[in-house]
Amino acid sequence: MKNVFLASAVALTAFAGAASAMGAASAYEGTIKQFAPEADLSGYSDAAIAHIVNTINDDGDDSFHQTQAQVRSLLKHLN
């Protein structure tokens, strides 16, 4: 049983390290591309990506098109 816990801890540690090595752009690219498929996120800072993702996640009662317009506007103005 100890070996199972040890193996799990090692796997989680390795996964956490790999996840932290990914930039915000690659981690949230799929989410942002749902609203702006043409977006090239390579030039955006982690803070800009976080701001865009927060806008997507905090859309409240906004429709898809309203959220899409907000995301595209942020992509224009944050780069």
N, C-alpha and C. Protein backbone atom coordinates (compact mmCIF):
# COMPACT_ATOMS: atom_id res chain seq x y z
N MET A 1 0.82 -1.19 0.00
CA MET A 1 0.00 0.00 0.00
C MET A 1 0.87 1.26 0.00
N LYS A 2 1.99 1.21 0.73
CA LYS A 2 2.89 2.37 0.75
C LYS A 2 3.41 2.67 -0.63
N ASN A 3 3.68 1.61 -1.41
CA ASN A 3 4.20 1.81 -2.76
C ASN A 3 3.19 2.52 -3.65
N VAL A 4 1.91 2.23 -3.46
CA VAL A 4 0.87 2.88 -4.25
C VAL A 4 0.83 4.37 -3.93
N PHE A 5 0.88 4.70 -2.65
CA PHE A 5 0.87 6.11 -2.25
C PHE A 5 2.12 6.83 -2.74
N LEU A 6 3.26 6.16 -2.63
CA LEU A 6 4.51 6.76 -3.09
C LEU A 6 4.48 7.00 -4.60
N ALA A 7 4.00 6.01 -5.34
CA ALA A 7 3.91 6.16 -6.79
C ALA A 7 2.95 7.29 -7.16
N SER A 8 1.84 7.38 -6.44
CA SER A 8 0.87 8.46 -6.69
C SER A 8 1.48 9.82 -6.41
N ALA A 9 2.22 9.93 -5.31
CA ALA A 9 2.85 11.20 -4.95
C ALA A 9 3.89 11.60 -5.99
N VAL A 10 4.67 10.64 -6.47
CA VAL A 10 5.68 10.93 -7.50
C VAL A 10 5.00 11.37 -8.80
N ALA A 11 3.93 10.68 -9.18
CA ALA A 11 3.22 11.03 -10.41
C ALA A 11 2.61 12.43 -10.31
N LEU A 12 2.01 12.75 -9.17
CA LEU A 12 1.40 14.06 -8.99
C LEU A 12 2.46 15.16 -9.01
N THR A 13 3.59 14.89 -8.41
CA THR A 13 4.68 15.87 -8.42
C THR A 13 5.18 16.11 -9.84
N ALA A 14 5.34 15.06 -10.59
CA ALA A 14 5.80 15.19 -11.97
C ALA A 14 4.77 15.95 -12.81
N PHE A 15 3.50 15.63 -12.61
CA PHE A 15 2.44 16.31 -13.35
C PHE A 15 2.39 17.79 -13.00
N ALA A 16 2.52 18.13 -11.74
CA ALA A 16 2.49 19.53 -11.31
C ALA A 16 3.66 20.29 -11.93
N GLY A 17 4.81 19.67 -12.00
CA GLY A 17 5.96 20.32 -12.60
C GLY A 17 5.75 20.56 -14.08
N ALA A 18 5.18 19.59 -14.77
CA ALA A 18 4.91 19.76 -16.19
C ALA A 18 3.86 20.83 -16.43
N ALA A 19 2.85 20.89 -15.57
CA ALA A 19 1.79 21.89 -15.73
C ALA A 19 2.34 23.29 -15.49
N SER A 20 3.22 23.44 -14.53
CA SER A 20 3.76 24.76 -14.27
C SER A 20 4.73 25.20 -15.37
N ALA A 21 5.30 24.25 -16.07
CA ALA A 21 6.20 24.59 -17.17
C ALA A 21 5.44 25.11 -18.38
N MET A 22 4.16 24.70 -18.50
CA MET A 22 3.35 25.21 -19.60
C MET A 22 3.03 26.67 -19.33
N GLY A 23 3.04 27.46 -20.35
CA GLY A 23 2.64 28.84 -20.19
C GLY A 23 1.13 28.95 -20.12
N ALA A 24 0.66 30.09 -19.71
CA ALA A 24 -0.78 30.31 -19.62
C ALA A 24 -1.42 30.18 -21.00
N ALA A 25 -0.72 30.60 -22.03
CA ALA A 25 -1.28 30.55 -23.38
C ALA A 25 -1.59 29.11 -23.78
N SER A 26 -0.67 28.20 -23.55
CA SER A 26 -0.91 26.82 -23.94
C SER A 26 -1.93 26.15 -23.03
N ALA A 27 -1.98 26.54 -21.78
CA ALA A 27 -2.93 25.94 -20.85
C ALA A 27 -4.37 26.33 -21.16
N TYR A 28 -4.58 27.54 -21.64
CA TYR A 28 -5.93 28.03 -21.88
C TYR A 28 -6.24 28.28 -23.35
N GLU A 29 -5.38 27.80 -24.21
CA GLU A 29 -5.56 28.05 -25.64
C GLU A 29 -6.91 27.53 -26.14
N GLY A 30 -7.28 26.32 -25.75
CA GLY A 30 -8.54 25.74 -26.19
C GLY A 30 -9.74 26.55 -25.75
N THR A 31 -9.69 27.04 -24.51
CA THR A 31 -10.79 27.84 -23.97
C THR A 31 -10.96 29.12 -24.77
N ILE A 32 -9.86 29.81 -25.02
CA ILE A 32 -9.92 31.08 -25.73
C ILE A 32 -10.30 30.86 -27.19
N LYS A 33 -9.78 29.78 -27.80
CA LYS A 33 -10.05 29.53 -29.21
C LYS A 33 -11.51 29.13 -29.47
N GLN A 34 -12.25 28.77 -28.43
CA GLN A 34 -13.68 28.53 -28.61
C GLN A 34 -14.38 29.84 -29.00
N PHE A 35 -13.87 30.94 -28.53
CA PHE A 35 -14.48 32.24 -28.77
C PHE A 35 -13.77 33.03 -29.87
N ALA A 36 -12.50 32.73 -30.10
CA ALA A 36 -11.73 33.41 -31.15
C ALA A 36 -10.77 32.41 -31.78
N PRO A 37 -11.29 31.57 -32.70
CA PRO A 37 -10.46 30.51 -33.29
C PRO A 37 -9.21 31.01 -34.00
N GLU A 38 -9.24 32.24 -34.45
CA GLU A 38 -8.10 32.79 -35.19
C GLU A 38 -7.02 33.36 -34.29
N ALA A 39 -7.22 33.32 -33.00
CA ALA A 39 -6.30 33.97 -32.05
C ALA A 39 -4.93 33.28 -32.04
N ASP A 40 -3.89 34.12 -32.10
CA ASP A 40 -2.51 33.67 -31.92
C ASP A 40 -2.07 34.20 -30.55
N LEU A 41 -1.97 33.32 -29.59
CA LEU A 41 -1.72 33.72 -28.21
C LEU A 41 -0.25 33.82 -27.86
N SER A 42 0.62 33.61 -28.81
CA SER A 42 2.05 33.56 -28.50
C SER A 42 2.61 34.88 -27.98
N GLY A 43 2.03 36.00 -28.32
CA GLY A 43 2.58 37.28 -27.89
C GLY A 43 1.94 37.87 -26.65
N TYR A 44 1.07 37.13 -26.00
CA TYR A 44 0.34 37.65 -24.84
C TYR A 44 1.01 37.24 -23.54
N SER A 45 0.96 38.13 -22.57
CA SER A 45 1.52 37.82 -21.25
C SER A 45 0.57 36.89 -20.51
N ASP A 46 1.08 36.25 -19.47
CA ASP A 46 0.23 35.39 -18.63
C ASP A 46 -0.90 36.19 -18.00
N ALA A 47 -0.63 37.44 -17.64
CA ALA A 47 -1.66 38.28 -17.04
C ALA A 47 -2.77 38.58 -18.04
N ALA A 48 -2.41 38.83 -19.30
CA ALA A 48 -3.41 39.10 -20.34
C ALA A 48 -4.27 37.86 -20.58
N ILE A 49 -3.63 36.70 -20.65
CA ILE A 49 -4.36 35.44 -20.84
C ILE A 49 -5.31 35.22 -19.67
N ALA A 50 -4.84 35.45 -18.46
CA ALA A 50 -5.68 35.27 -17.27
C ALA A 50 -6.88 36.22 -17.32
N HIS A 51 -6.67 37.44 -17.76
CA HIS A 51 -7.76 38.41 -17.87
C HIS A 51 -8.81 37.94 -18.88
N ILE A 52 -8.37 37.42 -20.00
CA ILE A 52 -9.29 36.93 -21.02
C ILE A 52 -10.07 35.73 -20.51
N VAL A 53 -9.38 34.80 -19.86
CA VAL A 53 -10.05 33.60 -19.33
C VAL A 53 -11.04 33.99 -18.23
N ASN A 54 -10.68 34.95 -17.39
CA ASN A 54 -11.62 35.42 -16.37
C ASN A 54 -12.87 36.02 -17.00
N THR A 55 -12.70 36.74 -18.09
CA THR A 55 -13.84 37.30 -18.81
C THR A 55 -14.75 36.19 -19.34
N ILE A 56 -14.14 35.15 -19.86
CA ILE A 56 -14.92 34.01 -20.38
C ILE A 56 -15.67 33.33 -19.24
N ASN A 57 -14.98 33.08 -18.14
CA ASN A 57 -15.59 32.34 -17.03
C ASN A 57 -16.59 33.17 -16.24
N ASP A 58 -16.51 34.48 -16.34
CA ASP A 58 -17.37 35.35 -15.57
C ASP A 58 -18.37 36.08 -16.48
N ASP A 59 -18.88 35.37 -17.47
CA ASP A 59 -19.76 36.03 -18.43
C ASP A 59 -21.18 36.23 -17.91
N GLY A 60 -21.50 35.66 -16.76
CA GLY A 60 -22.83 35.86 -16.19
C GLY A 60 -23.92 35.43 -17.14
N ASP A 61 -24.76 36.34 -17.55
CA ASP A 61 -25.88 36.04 -18.44
C ASP A 61 -25.58 36.39 -19.89
N ASP A 62 -24.33 36.67 -20.20
CA ASP A 62 -23.97 37.04 -21.57
C ASP A 62 -24.17 35.85 -22.51
N SER A 63 -24.57 36.16 -23.72
CA SER A 63 -24.69 35.12 -24.74
C SER A 63 -23.30 34.76 -25.26
N PHE A 64 -23.25 33.72 -26.07
CA PHE A 64 -21.98 33.33 -26.69
C PHE A 64 -21.42 34.48 -27.50
N HIS A 65 -22.28 35.15 -28.26
CA HIS A 65 -21.82 36.24 -29.13
C HIS A 65 -21.31 37.43 -28.33
N GLN A 66 -21.93 37.72 -27.20
CA GLN A 66 -21.45 38.82 -26.37
C GLN A 66 -20.08 38.50 -25.78
N THR A 67 -19.93 37.27 -25.29
CA THR A 67 -18.64 36.85 -24.75
C THR A 67 -17.59 36.83 -25.85
N GLN A 68 -17.96 36.36 -27.03
CA GLN A 68 -17.04 36.33 -28.16
C GLN A 68 -16.57 37.74 -28.50
N ALA A 69 -17.48 38.69 -28.51
CA ALA A 69 -17.11 40.08 -28.82
C ALA A 69 -16.17 40.63 -27.75
N GLN A 70 -16.41 40.30 -26.48
CA GLN A 70 -15.54 40.76 -25.40
C GLN A 70 -14.15 40.16 -25.54
N VAL A 71 -14.08 38.87 -25.84
CA VAL A 71 -12.78 38.19 -25.99
C VAL A 71 -12.01 38.80 -27.15
N ARG A 72 -12.67 39.01 -28.28
CA ARG A 72 -11.98 39.58 -29.44
C ARG A 72 -11.51 41.00 -29.16
N SER A 73 -12.31 41.75 -28.43
CA SER A 73 -11.90 43.11 -28.06
C SER A 73 -10.67 43.08 -27.15
N LEU A 74 -10.67 42.19 -26.18
CA LEU A 74 -9.51 42.06 -25.30
C LEU A 74 -8.27 41.63 -26.07
N LEU A 75 -8.45 40.73 -27.01
CA LEU A 75 -7.30 40.28 -27.81
C LEU A 75 -6.69 41.44 -28.60
N LYS A 76 -7.52 42.36 -29.07
CA LYS A 76 -7.02 43.53 -29.80
C LYS A 76 -6.30 44.49 -28.89
N HIS A 77 -6.82 44.69 -27.69
CA HIS A 77 -6.33 45.76 -26.84
C HIS A 77 -5.25 45.34 -25.82
N LEU A 78 -5.13 44.07 -25.57
CA LEU A 78 -4.16 43.62 -24.57
C LEU A 78 -2.81 43.26 -25.15
N ASN A 79 -2.68 43.20 -26.45
CA ASN A 79 -1.41 42.80 -27.05
C ASN A 79 -0.57 44.01 -27.40
